[in-house]
Amino acid sequence: MTEQKTVLVTGATGYIGGRLVPRLIADGYGVRVLVRSPSKLLAVPWHDEVDIVEGDLADPDAAAKACEGVDTLFYLVHSMGSGAGFEEKELAMARTVAAAAARAQVKRIVYLGGLHPEGVALSRHMRSRTAVGRVLLDGEVPAVVFQAGVVIGSGSASFEMIRHLTENLPLMPAPNWVSRRIEPIAVRDVLHYLLHAPGLPEGLNRTFDIGSREILTYGGLLYGYAHEARLAPRRIYALPVPAPRLAGWWVALTTPIPHSMAVPLVESLQHDAVAAEHDIDRYIPLPPGGLTGYRKAVELALGRIRSGEVETSWSNASGRPSSEPLPSDPDWAGRTVYVDDRQRRSRVPAAYVWQVIESIGGGNGWYSWPAAWAIRGVLDKLVGGAGHNRGRRHSGRLGIGDAVDWWRVEDINNGPEGKVLRLRAEMKVPGDAWLELSALPDGTGTTYRQRAIYFPKGLAGKAYWWLVAPFHGLIFPSMARNILRRAADLQHASAAAPG
């Protein structure tokens, strides 16, 4: 009987890593994941099928513990939305992991970098990803560095940028990077190459360019999306200026991508991204049926979105580093805290109220003053926040760590008293904010509870609360009322349904 090989996946809460793990399990590997916040994995279906190690890749002890007994290490982390100094942090982290892998006698490291031309000034993020690949290739453990261009799949940041630019802007004056040559690749084909990496010859230590073999301009990607989405023809006019930072702001305001990610994405489009070689064909066979063309990849991604089957999303993999979770109520003593607490009694059973709560945000909205939420979202984007149009991965269900517009699910409590959804704010505010929505059974009906909780930071934080308090007085009462009204509609629809 062949001994099961153990692989370590770093970045398992990310877009690619979260899709790779279940496929590795299905292929018979023993899978270990190293994550800073194990709670972010509670909602994934493969949670109980992996060995979870809690720790930070920058910690030599955590990296060493995770590498023990590992055959192949998948290094699938990079800091697209990080702040100043991220290049040094990424290099230091890569060196730490490479050293830990060498001590543990890992046989191979697999890294996913980006396609880029040689001999040009790369963007900071592309430069950092290239440097990380070089650190791994120069280490003691043989490394395989796959270099991919724009990844097309439901939930990827690149695809969401293409999708929202095309859908929101039928007429688009654009910087000259829309004329750059791009070789996209479907996320299914990226996963195909990653899954075959453990079987590559021992000692192989090099980069491989991977792509669809289909060369388009970035404008061509937008036109192709419009065709597959059955939109009216788009008009794109390339202007003779690069303007990456200005374009980054424009992308941030017209798509769900926050400014911190939009700028590096746009900067990475200043040069062609086309495979220079296809040597990978000598080692890994093409996927059954061949590589996926761009329009087919778009078709598949749109199908996933329409059916609510988005496996992983850039918005769930990104976000501000979490601070401490909401303390329990008794721990508030002695601290400045502002609370907007509202309760309403309804004769609608709790199950229907919870159905509305769990589907809140995204396309369903927030059940009060949508224009006010939208304006606040634009203002948040202008100061570098997440904005209010990130949406949600699934329209009807949530898991811990999921993004919901500018919130992130911190907890879902299904206790004896009822169900509670706790959302932590990721908008830019001078303090820490949460929103709790509860459906508490009350006889045959429900007590609906809604709490906005805010811990201000300094005088600016207190001033912010009193500035927005009048708007809360308008938004929150109608929000509670409309959530219960929607729950009543669901109950009536269920009663009227045949059978």
Protein backbone atom coordinates (compact mmCIF):
# COMPACT_ATOMS: atom_id res chain seq x y z
CA MET A 1 0.00 0.00 0.00
CA THR A 2 1.41 3.40 -0.97
CA GLU A 3 2.14 5.65 2.02
CA GLN A 4 -0.01 8.77 2.08
CA LYS A 5 1.98 11.92 1.43
CA THR A 6 1.44 15.00 3.56
CA VAL A 7 1.30 18.42 1.96
CA LEU A 8 1.24 21.79 3.68
CA VAL A 9 -0.91 24.57 2.24
CA THR A 10 -0.23 28.12 3.36
CA GLY A 11 -2.83 30.65 2.30
CA ALA A 12 -5.64 28.12 2.79
CA THR A 13 -8.06 30.95 3.64
CA GLY A 14 -7.17 32.67 0.35
CA TYR A 15 -8.71 32.53 -3.09
CA ILE A 16 -6.45 29.84 -4.63
CA GLY A 17 -5.54 27.99 -1.44
CA GLY A 18 -9.17 27.61 -0.41
CA ARG A 19 -9.91 25.87 -3.72
CA LEU A 20 -6.77 23.77 -3.78
CA VAL A 21 -7.23 22.12 -0.36
CA PRO A 22 -10.40 20.08 -1.14
CA ARG A 23 -8.90 18.93 -4.44
CA LEU A 24 -5.75 17.72 -2.69
CA ILE A 25 -7.91 15.82 -0.21
CA ALA A 26 -9.86 14.25 -3.06
CA ASP A 27 -6.57 13.15 -4.65
CA GLY A 28 -5.62 11.25 -1.49
CA TYR A 29 -3.11 13.60 0.12
CA GLY A 30 -2.92 14.23 3.82
CA VAL A 31 -3.38 17.99 4.03
CA ARG A 32 -2.09 20.34 6.71
CA VAL A 33 -2.87 24.04 6.75
CA LEU A 34 -1.15 26.85 8.63
CA VAL A 35 -3.49 29.72 9.46
CA ARG A 36 -3.42 32.68 11.82
CA SER A 37 -7.14 32.45 12.58
CA PRO A 38 -8.50 28.86 12.59
CA SER A 39 -12.00 30.26 13.13
CA LYS A 40 -11.99 31.41 9.49
CA LEU A 41 -12.07 27.73 8.50
CA LEU A 42 -15.05 26.74 10.63
CA ALA A 43 -17.49 27.19 7.75
CA VAL A 44 -15.53 25.34 5.06
CA PRO A 45 -16.78 21.82 4.26
CA TRP A 46 -13.30 20.29 4.56
CA HIS A 47 -12.62 21.64 8.05
CA ASP A 48 -12.56 18.21 9.71
CA GLU A 49 -10.46 16.61 6.97
CA VAL A 50 -7.28 18.64 7.44
CA ASP A 51 -4.65 19.08 10.13
CA ILE A 52 -4.92 22.72 11.25
CA VAL A 53 -1.85 24.41 12.69
CA GLU A 54 -2.39 27.84 14.19
CA GLY A 55 0.43 30.29 13.64
CA ASP A 56 2.03 33.00 11.56
CA LEU A 57 4.39 32.34 8.66
CA ALA A 58 6.67 35.05 10.02
CA ASP A 59 7.17 32.98 13.20
CA PRO A 60 10.08 30.50 12.75
CA ASP A 61 8.69 28.15 15.40
CA ALA A 62 5.21 28.03 13.83
CA ALA A 63 6.70 27.51 10.37
CA ALA A 64 8.96 24.73 11.65
CA LYS A 65 6.07 22.97 13.40
CA ALA A 66 3.92 23.15 10.28
CA CYS A 67 6.68 21.72 8.06
CA GLU A 68 7.32 18.59 10.14
CA GLY A 69 6.74 15.46 8.06
CA VAL A 70 5.68 17.42 4.97
CA ASP A 71 6.48 16.24 1.45
CA THR A 72 5.36 19.30 -0.57
CA LEU A 73 4.75 22.84 0.68
CA PHE A 74 2.36 25.06 -1.25
CA TYR A 75 3.31 28.69 -0.62
CA LEU A 76 0.21 30.60 -1.71
CA VAL A 77 0.44 33.88 0.17
CA HIS A 78 1.08 37.43 -0.92
CA SER A 79 -0.02 40.80 0.37
CA MET A 80 -1.85 42.59 -2.42
CA GLY A 81 -3.60 45.00 -0.08
CA SER A 82 -0.85 45.50 2.51
CA GLY A 83 0.51 48.84 3.54
CA ALA A 84 3.98 50.35 3.58
CA GLY A 85 6.93 48.00 4.04
CA PHE A 86 5.16 44.95 2.63
CA GLU A 87 8.07 44.06 0.32
CA GLU A 88 10.47 43.61 3.23
CA LYS A 89 7.85 41.66 5.20
CA GLU A 90 7.16 39.31 2.29
CA LEU A 91 10.86 38.64 1.71
CA ALA A 92 11.46 38.00 5.42
CA MET A 93 8.48 35.64 5.56
CA ALA A 94 9.65 33.73 2.47
CA ARG A 95 13.13 33.31 3.97
CA THR A 96 11.62 32.06 7.24
CA VAL A 97 9.50 29.48 5.44
CA ALA A 98 12.34 28.38 3.15
CA ALA A 99 14.60 27.86 6.17
CA ALA A 100 11.93 25.90 8.06
CA ALA A 101 11.27 23.71 5.01
CA ALA A 102 14.99 22.97 4.68
CA ARG A 103 15.30 21.93 8.35
CA ALA A 104 12.26 19.68 8.02
CA GLN A 105 13.63 18.15 4.80
CA VAL A 106 10.59 19.11 2.74
CA LYS A 107 11.08 17.77 -0.78
CA ARG A 108 9.53 20.62 -2.76
CA ILE A 109 8.08 24.12 -2.42
CA VAL A 110 5.40 25.25 -4.90
CA TYR A 111 4.74 28.96 -5.34
CA LEU A 112 2.28 30.87 -7.53
CA GLY A 113 3.71 34.12 -8.86
CA GLY A 114 2.84 36.42 -11.74
CA LEU A 115 3.67 36.64 -15.44
CA HIS A 116 5.94 39.56 -16.23
CA PRO A 117 8.38 40.63 -18.94
CA GLU A 118 12.11 40.79 -18.27
CA GLY A 119 14.13 43.98 -18.19
CA VAL A 120 11.35 46.42 -17.27
CA ALA A 121 10.51 48.34 -14.11
CA LEU A 122 7.86 46.23 -12.42
CA SER A 123 5.17 47.47 -10.07
CA ARG A 124 5.92 47.14 -6.35
CA HIS A 125 3.64 44.14 -5.94
CA MET A 126 4.86 42.33 -9.03
CA ARG A 127 8.44 43.09 -8.00
CA SER A 128 7.76 41.63 -4.57
CA ARG A 129 6.17 38.46 -5.95
CA THR A 130 9.12 37.99 -8.29
CA ALA A 131 11.57 38.51 -5.43
CA VAL A 132 9.74 35.97 -3.26
CA GLY A 133 9.95 33.44 -6.08
CA ARG A 134 13.68 34.07 -6.34
CA VAL A 135 14.16 33.56 -2.58
CA LEU A 136 12.45 30.18 -2.81
CA LEU A 137 14.42 29.14 -5.90
CA ASP A 138 17.68 30.11 -4.21
CA GLY A 139 16.91 28.12 -1.06
CA GLU A 140 17.99 24.61 -0.13
CA VAL A 141 14.63 23.02 -1.02
CA PRO A 142 13.87 22.64 -4.75
CA ALA A 143 11.08 25.01 -5.75
CA VAL A 144 8.64 25.21 -8.63
CA VAL A 145 7.38 28.72 -9.31
CA PHE A 146 4.33 28.93 -11.56
CA GLN A 147 3.93 32.34 -13.16
CA ALA A 148 0.34 33.16 -14.15
CA GLY A 149 -1.33 36.25 -15.56
CA VAL A 150 -4.93 37.36 -15.01
CA VAL A 151 -6.80 34.52 -13.26
CA ILE A 152 -10.40 34.15 -14.45
CA GLY A 153 -12.81 32.54 -12.04
CA SER A 154 -15.83 33.39 -9.94
CA GLY A 155 -14.71 35.50 -7.02
CA SER A 156 -11.18 36.34 -8.21
CA ALA A 157 -10.16 39.99 -7.83
CA SER A 158 -9.10 40.20 -11.48
CA PHE A 159 -12.41 38.76 -12.70
CA GLU A 160 -14.46 41.01 -10.41
CA MET A 161 -12.57 44.02 -11.72
CA ILE A 162 -13.33 43.00 -15.32
CA ARG A 163 -16.95 42.21 -14.48
CA HIS A 164 -17.81 45.45 -12.75
CA LEU A 165 -15.90 47.71 -15.13
CA THR A 166 -17.74 46.17 -18.06
CA GLU A 167 -21.17 46.16 -16.44
CA ASN A 168 -20.94 49.67 -14.98
CA LEU A 169 -19.23 51.53 -17.84
CA PRO A 170 -20.72 51.08 -21.33
CA LEU A 171 -18.51 53.96 -22.48
CA MET A 172 -15.01 53.92 -21.03
CA PRO A 173 -12.19 56.38 -21.70
CA ALA A 174 -9.27 54.37 -20.33
CA PRO A 175 -5.51 54.70 -19.85
CA ASN A 176 -3.26 53.03 -22.38
CA TRP A 177 -2.89 49.85 -20.33
CA VAL A 178 -6.16 48.61 -21.87
CA SER A 179 -4.03 47.97 -24.98
CA ARG A 180 -1.52 45.76 -23.16
CA ARG A 181 -1.30 42.13 -24.23
CA ILE A 182 -2.67 39.72 -21.64
CA GLU A 183 -2.64 35.93 -21.45
CA PRO A 184 -5.44 35.02 -19.03
CA ILE A 185 -5.83 31.65 -17.39
CA ALA A 186 -8.90 29.97 -15.94
CA VAL A 187 -8.71 29.22 -12.23
CA ARG A 188 -9.47 25.54 -12.99
CA ASP A 189 -6.27 25.38 -15.08
CA VAL A 190 -4.20 27.04 -12.34
CA LEU A 191 -5.47 24.35 -9.96
CA HIS A 192 -4.66 21.66 -12.54
CA TYR A 193 -0.99 22.67 -12.56
CA LEU A 194 -0.82 23.01 -8.78
CA LEU A 195 -2.35 19.57 -8.23
CA HIS A 196 0.26 17.97 -10.48
CA ALA A 197 3.20 19.78 -8.86
CA PRO A 198 3.91 17.12 -6.17
CA GLY A 199 4.53 14.58 -8.96
CA LEU A 200 7.17 16.63 -10.76
CA PRO A 201 10.70 15.13 -10.95
CA GLU A 202 12.73 15.41 -7.74
CA GLY A 203 15.22 18.25 -7.72
CA LEU A 204 13.40 20.32 -10.35
CA ASN A 205 14.05 23.96 -9.43
CA ARG A 206 12.75 26.58 -11.86
CA THR A 207 9.94 28.87 -12.98
CA PHE A 208 7.20 27.82 -15.39
CA ASP A 209 4.98 30.27 -17.27
CA ILE A 210 1.37 29.09 -17.39
CA GLY A 211 -1.53 30.54 -19.37
CA SER A 212 -4.36 29.78 -21.76
CA ARG A 213 -2.20 30.25 -24.93
CA GLU A 214 -4.83 32.85 -25.93
CA ILE A 215 -3.41 36.38 -26.23
CA LEU A 216 -5.83 39.31 -25.82
CA THR A 217 -5.59 42.96 -24.88
CA TYR A 218 -7.07 44.03 -21.57
CA GLY A 219 -9.72 45.83 -23.60
CA GLY A 220 -10.37 42.52 -25.34
CA LEU A 221 -11.05 40.94 -21.94
CA LEU A 222 -13.72 43.58 -21.32
CA TYR A 223 -15.29 43.06 -24.75
CA GLY A 224 -15.26 39.29 -24.26
CA TYR A 225 -16.97 39.61 -20.89
CA ALA A 226 -19.67 41.84 -22.38
CA HIS A 227 -20.35 39.21 -25.04
CA GLU A 228 -20.67 36.33 -22.55
CA ALA A 229 -22.79 38.42 -20.17
CA ARG A 230 -25.07 39.41 -23.07
CA LEU A 231 -24.49 43.11 -22.53
CA ALA A 232 -24.86 45.79 -25.18
CA PRO A 233 -21.59 46.46 -27.07
CA ARG A 234 -19.08 48.43 -25.01
CA ARG A 235 -16.97 51.32 -26.27
CA ILE A 236 -13.46 51.58 -24.88
CA TYR A 237 -11.13 54.42 -25.88
CA ALA A 238 -7.45 54.09 -24.98
CA LEU A 239 -5.90 57.42 -23.98
CA PRO A 240 -2.16 58.04 -24.53
CA VAL A 241 -1.42 58.20 -20.78
CA PRO A 242 -0.71 55.42 -18.25
CA ALA A 243 -2.11 57.16 -15.09
CA PRO A 244 -1.97 54.01 -12.92
CA ARG A 245 -2.75 55.75 -9.64
CA LEU A 246 -5.61 57.80 -11.06
CA ALA A 247 -6.95 54.66 -12.76
CA GLY A 248 -6.62 52.81 -9.45
CA TRP A 249 -8.91 55.33 -7.79
CA TRP A 250 -11.37 55.05 -10.69
CA VAL A 251 -11.39 51.25 -10.41
CA ALA A 252 -11.92 51.49 -6.65
CA LEU A 253 -14.94 53.76 -7.08
CA THR A 254 -16.60 51.77 -9.88
CA THR A 255 -15.93 48.21 -8.69
CA PRO A 256 -16.00 46.39 -5.32
CA ILE A 257 -12.17 46.31 -5.28
CA PRO A 258 -10.83 48.63 -2.53
CA HIS A 259 -8.22 51.24 -3.34
CA SER A 260 -5.51 49.26 -1.53
CA MET A 261 -5.97 46.42 -4.04
CA ALA A 262 -7.07 48.40 -7.10
CA VAL A 263 -3.84 50.39 -7.36
CA PRO A 264 -1.49 47.35 -7.38
CA LEU A 265 -3.79 45.51 -9.79
CA VAL A 266 -3.73 48.43 -12.21
CA GLU A 267 0.01 48.98 -11.75
CA SER A 268 0.57 45.35 -12.72
CA LEU A 269 -1.18 46.02 -16.04
CA GLN A 270 1.41 48.54 -17.21
CA HIS A 271 3.32 45.81 -19.07
CA ASP A 272 2.37 42.84 -21.23
CA ALA A 273 1.69 39.63 -19.31
CA VAL A 274 2.31 36.83 -21.82
CA ALA A 275 4.00 33.45 -21.33
CA ALA A 276 7.54 33.39 -22.71
CA GLU A 277 7.76 29.58 -22.73
CA HIS A 278 5.56 26.51 -22.52
CA ASP A 279 8.08 24.13 -20.96
CA ILE A 280 5.49 22.93 -18.47
CA ASP A 281 4.05 20.76 -21.27
CA ARG A 282 7.08 18.45 -20.93
CA TYR A 283 6.18 17.67 -17.32
CA ILE A 284 2.42 18.10 -16.83
CA PRO A 285 -0.17 17.01 -19.41
CA LEU A 286 -2.81 19.48 -20.50
CA PRO A 287 -6.14 19.23 -18.67
CA PRO A 288 -8.69 16.82 -20.16
CA GLY A 289 -10.25 18.67 -23.06
CA GLY A 290 -7.37 21.14 -23.21
CA LEU A 291 -6.83 24.52 -21.61
CA THR A 292 -9.90 26.67 -21.01
CA GLY A 293 -10.38 29.61 -23.36
CA TYR A 294 -11.13 33.05 -21.97
CA ARG A 295 -14.80 33.21 -22.97
CA LYS A 296 -15.42 29.70 -21.67
CA ALA A 297 -13.80 30.70 -18.38
CA VAL A 298 -16.09 33.74 -18.18
CA GLU A 299 -19.11 31.57 -18.95
CA LEU A 300 -18.19 29.16 -16.16
CA ALA A 301 -17.56 31.99 -13.69
CA LEU A 302 -20.90 33.64 -14.46
CA GLY A 303 -22.64 30.29 -14.06
CA ARG A 304 -21.13 29.89 -10.60
CA ILE A 305 -22.22 33.38 -9.60
CA ARG A 306 -25.79 32.91 -10.85
CA SER A 307 -26.16 29.58 -9.05
CA GLY A 308 -24.67 30.87 -5.80
CA GLU A 309 -21.79 28.38 -5.92
CA VAL A 310 -18.81 30.74 -5.61
CA GLU A 311 -16.25 28.54 -3.87
CA THR A 312 -13.84 31.22 -2.66
CA SER A 313 -13.69 34.99 -3.12
CA TRP A 314 -11.04 37.69 -3.02
CA SER A 315 -13.20 39.58 -0.49
CA ASN A 316 -13.10 36.68 1.97
CA ALA A 317 -9.34 36.43 1.62
CA SER A 318 -8.71 40.14 2.10
CA GLY A 319 -9.60 42.71 4.69
CA ARG A 320 -8.10 44.57 7.57
CA PRO A 321 -6.13 42.48 10.06
CA SER A 322 -8.60 41.51 12.75
CA SER A 323 -8.25 43.19 16.11
CA GLU A 324 -9.72 41.74 19.27
CA PRO A 325 -13.25 40.34 18.89
CA LEU A 326 -16.20 42.03 20.52
CA PRO A 327 -15.82 41.63 24.30
CA SER A 328 -18.74 40.25 26.24
CA ASP A 329 -21.10 42.78 27.77
CA PRO A 330 -19.73 42.57 31.36
CA ASP A 331 -16.25 43.42 30.03
CA TRP A 332 -17.53 46.79 28.82
CA ALA A 333 -17.45 48.17 32.35
CA GLY A 334 -15.17 51.18 32.62
CA ARG A 335 -14.86 51.60 28.84
CA THR A 336 -16.43 54.17 26.58
CA VAL A 337 -18.90 52.34 24.38
CA TYR A 338 -21.89 53.54 22.38
CA VAL A 339 -24.77 51.17 21.67
CA ASP A 340 -27.86 51.55 19.53
CA ASP A 341 -30.06 48.70 20.81
CA ARG A 342 -33.49 48.03 19.29
CA GLN A 343 -35.95 45.18 19.81
CA ARG A 344 -39.21 44.38 18.06
CA ARG A 345 -41.69 41.59 18.71
CA SER A 346 -43.17 39.75 15.74
CA ARG A 347 -45.63 36.91 15.35
CA VAL A 348 -43.50 35.52 12.52
CA PRO A 349 -41.59 32.35 13.55
CA ALA A 350 -37.86 32.82 14.18
CA ALA A 351 -36.85 30.62 11.24
CA TYR A 352 -38.20 33.16 8.74
CA VAL A 353 -36.61 36.10 10.54
CA TRP A 354 -33.28 34.29 10.56
CA GLN A 355 -33.60 33.56 6.85
CA VAL A 356 -33.76 37.31 6.21
CA ILE A 357 -30.90 38.05 8.59
CA GLU A 358 -28.59 35.46 7.03
CA SER A 359 -29.27 36.80 3.53
CA ILE A 360 -28.74 40.47 4.40
CA GLY A 361 -26.45 42.67 2.31
CA GLY A 362 -25.20 42.20 -1.23
CA GLY A 363 -28.05 42.16 -3.73
CA ASN A 364 -30.64 41.98 -0.94
CA GLY A 365 -29.52 45.27 0.59
CA TRP A 366 -29.95 46.48 4.17
CA TYR A 367 -33.69 47.13 4.21
CA SER A 368 -33.44 50.87 4.79
CA TRP A 369 -32.39 53.98 2.90
CA PRO A 370 -30.26 52.30 0.18
CA ALA A 371 -29.08 55.70 -1.11
CA ALA A 372 -27.65 56.55 2.31
CA TRP A 373 -25.71 53.28 2.47
CA ALA A 374 -24.41 53.85 -1.08
CA ILE A 375 -23.26 57.41 -0.34
CA ARG A 376 -21.53 56.30 2.85
CA GLY A 377 -19.85 53.54 0.84
CA VAL A 378 -18.47 56.00 -1.71
CA LEU A 379 -17.14 58.20 1.09
CA ASP A 380 -15.48 55.15 2.62
CA LYS A 381 -13.83 54.30 -0.72
CA LEU A 382 -12.51 57.87 -1.00
CA VAL A 383 -10.62 57.49 2.29
CA GLY A 384 -9.26 54.07 1.32
CA GLY A 385 -11.83 51.85 2.99
CA ALA A 386 -13.52 48.68 1.80
CA GLY A 387 -16.56 50.49 0.46
CA HIS A 388 -20.09 49.16 0.49
CA ASN A 389 -20.21 47.22 -2.78
CA ARG A 390 -18.12 44.11 -2.03
CA GLY A 391 -21.30 42.07 -1.94
CA ARG A 392 -21.24 38.56 -0.54
CA ARG A 393 -20.13 35.15 -1.76
CA HIS A 394 -23.46 33.35 -1.30
CA SER A 395 -26.85 35.03 -1.45
CA GLY A 396 -28.47 32.96 1.29
CA ARG A 397 -25.88 31.55 3.68
CA LEU A 398 -22.93 32.87 5.66
CA GLY A 399 -19.86 31.48 7.39
CA ILE A 400 -17.38 32.98 9.82
CA GLY A 401 -14.91 35.14 7.92
CA ASP A 402 -17.27 35.88 5.01
CA ALA A 403 -17.36 39.45 3.70
CA VAL A 404 -20.75 41.15 3.57
CA ASP A 405 -20.32 44.53 1.89
CA TRP A 406 -18.13 46.49 4.33
CA TRP A 407 -18.72 44.05 7.17
CA ARG A 408 -17.11 40.69 7.95
CA VAL A 409 -18.81 37.85 9.78
CA GLU A 410 -17.15 37.55 13.17
CA ASP A 411 -19.53 35.04 14.72
CA ILE A 412 -22.71 33.09 14.06
CA ASN A 413 -24.14 31.82 17.32
CA ASN A 414 -26.85 29.19 17.15
CA GLY A 415 -27.51 28.83 20.85
CA PRO A 416 -30.49 27.76 22.95
CA GLU A 417 -31.80 31.33 23.15
CA GLY A 418 -31.80 31.81 19.39
CA LYS A 419 -29.55 32.72 16.47
CA VAL A 420 -27.20 35.70 16.45
CA LEU A 421 -25.18 37.10 13.55
CA ARG A 422 -22.30 39.36 14.53
CA LEU A 423 -20.68 41.51 11.86
CA ARG A 424 -17.47 43.45 12.37
CA ALA A 425 -17.10 46.72 10.46
CA GLU A 426 -14.26 47.08 7.98
CA MET A 427 -15.09 50.62 6.91
CA LYS A 428 -12.70 53.40 7.90
CA VAL A 429 -13.88 54.74 11.26
CA PRO A 430 -11.98 56.11 14.28
CA GLY A 431 -12.86 53.13 16.44
CA ASP A 432 -14.15 49.54 16.35
CA ALA A 433 -17.72 48.81 15.32
CA TRP A 434 -20.01 45.79 15.23
CA LEU A 435 -23.57 45.07 14.15
CA GLU A 436 -25.50 42.25 15.81
CA LEU A 437 -28.74 40.87 14.41
CA SER A 438 -30.64 38.28 16.45
CA ALA A 439 -33.72 36.12 15.95
CA LEU A 440 -34.82 34.94 19.41
CA PRO A 441 -37.82 32.53 19.62
CA ASP A 442 -40.63 34.05 21.67
CA GLY A 443 -43.49 31.63 21.98
CA THR A 444 -44.68 30.98 18.42
CA GLY A 445 -43.18 34.29 17.30
CA THR A 446 -39.84 36.08 17.47
CA THR A 447 -38.08 38.83 19.34
CA TYR A 448 -35.86 40.55 16.82
CA ARG A 449 -32.86 42.35 18.36
CA GLN A 450 -30.54 44.72 16.53
CA ARG A 451 -27.47 46.23 18.16
CA ALA A 452 -24.90 48.63 16.71
CA ILE A 453 -21.90 48.65 19.06
CA TYR A 454 -19.07 51.15 18.80
CA PHE A 455 -15.87 51.55 20.81
CA PRO A 456 -14.46 54.99 19.90
CA LYS A 457 -10.77 55.79 19.70
CA GLY A 458 -10.00 59.18 21.14
CA LEU A 459 -11.92 62.40 20.70
CA ALA A 460 -12.29 61.81 16.94
CA GLY A 461 -14.04 58.52 17.63
CA LYS A 462 -16.54 60.11 20.00
CA ALA A 463 -17.19 62.97 17.60
CA TYR A 464 -17.82 60.47 14.79
CA TRP A 465 -20.51 58.66 16.76
CA TRP A 466 -22.40 61.84 17.62
CA LEU A 467 -22.11 62.98 13.99
CA VAL A 468 -23.74 59.82 12.62
CA ALA A 469 -26.20 59.29 15.48
CA PRO A 470 -28.99 61.30 13.74
CA PHE A 471 -28.63 59.06 10.66
CA HIS A 472 -28.83 55.96 12.87
CA GLY A 473 -32.12 57.36 14.17
CA LEU A 474 -33.44 57.31 10.62
CA ILE A 475 -31.86 54.11 9.28
CA PHE A 476 -32.01 51.59 12.12
CA PRO A 477 -35.76 51.77 13.01
CA SER A 478 -36.81 51.23 9.39
CA MET A 479 -34.20 48.50 9.04
CA ALA A 480 -35.73 46.52 11.92
CA ARG A 481 -39.26 47.12 10.67
CA ASN A 482 -38.48 46.10 7.08
CA ILE A 483 -36.57 42.95 8.09
CA LEU A 484 -39.62 41.72 9.98
CA ARG A 485 -41.89 42.71 7.10
CA ARG A 486 -39.73 40.70 4.72
CA ALA A 487 -39.83 37.72 7.11
CA ALA A 488 -43.64 37.93 7.12
CA ASP A 489 -43.64 37.90 3.32
CA LEU A 490 -41.50 34.75 3.36
CA GLN A 491 -43.91 33.09 5.78
CA HIS A 492 -46.91 33.96 3.62
CA ALA A 493 -45.16 32.74 0.47
CA SER A 494 -44.30 29.46 2.18
CA ALA A 495 -47.89 28.98 3.35
CA ALA A 496 -49.21 29.66 -0.15
CA ALA A 497 -46.77 27.30 -1.88
CA PRO A 498 -48.33 24.06 -3.14
CA GLY A 499 -47.57 20.93 -1.14
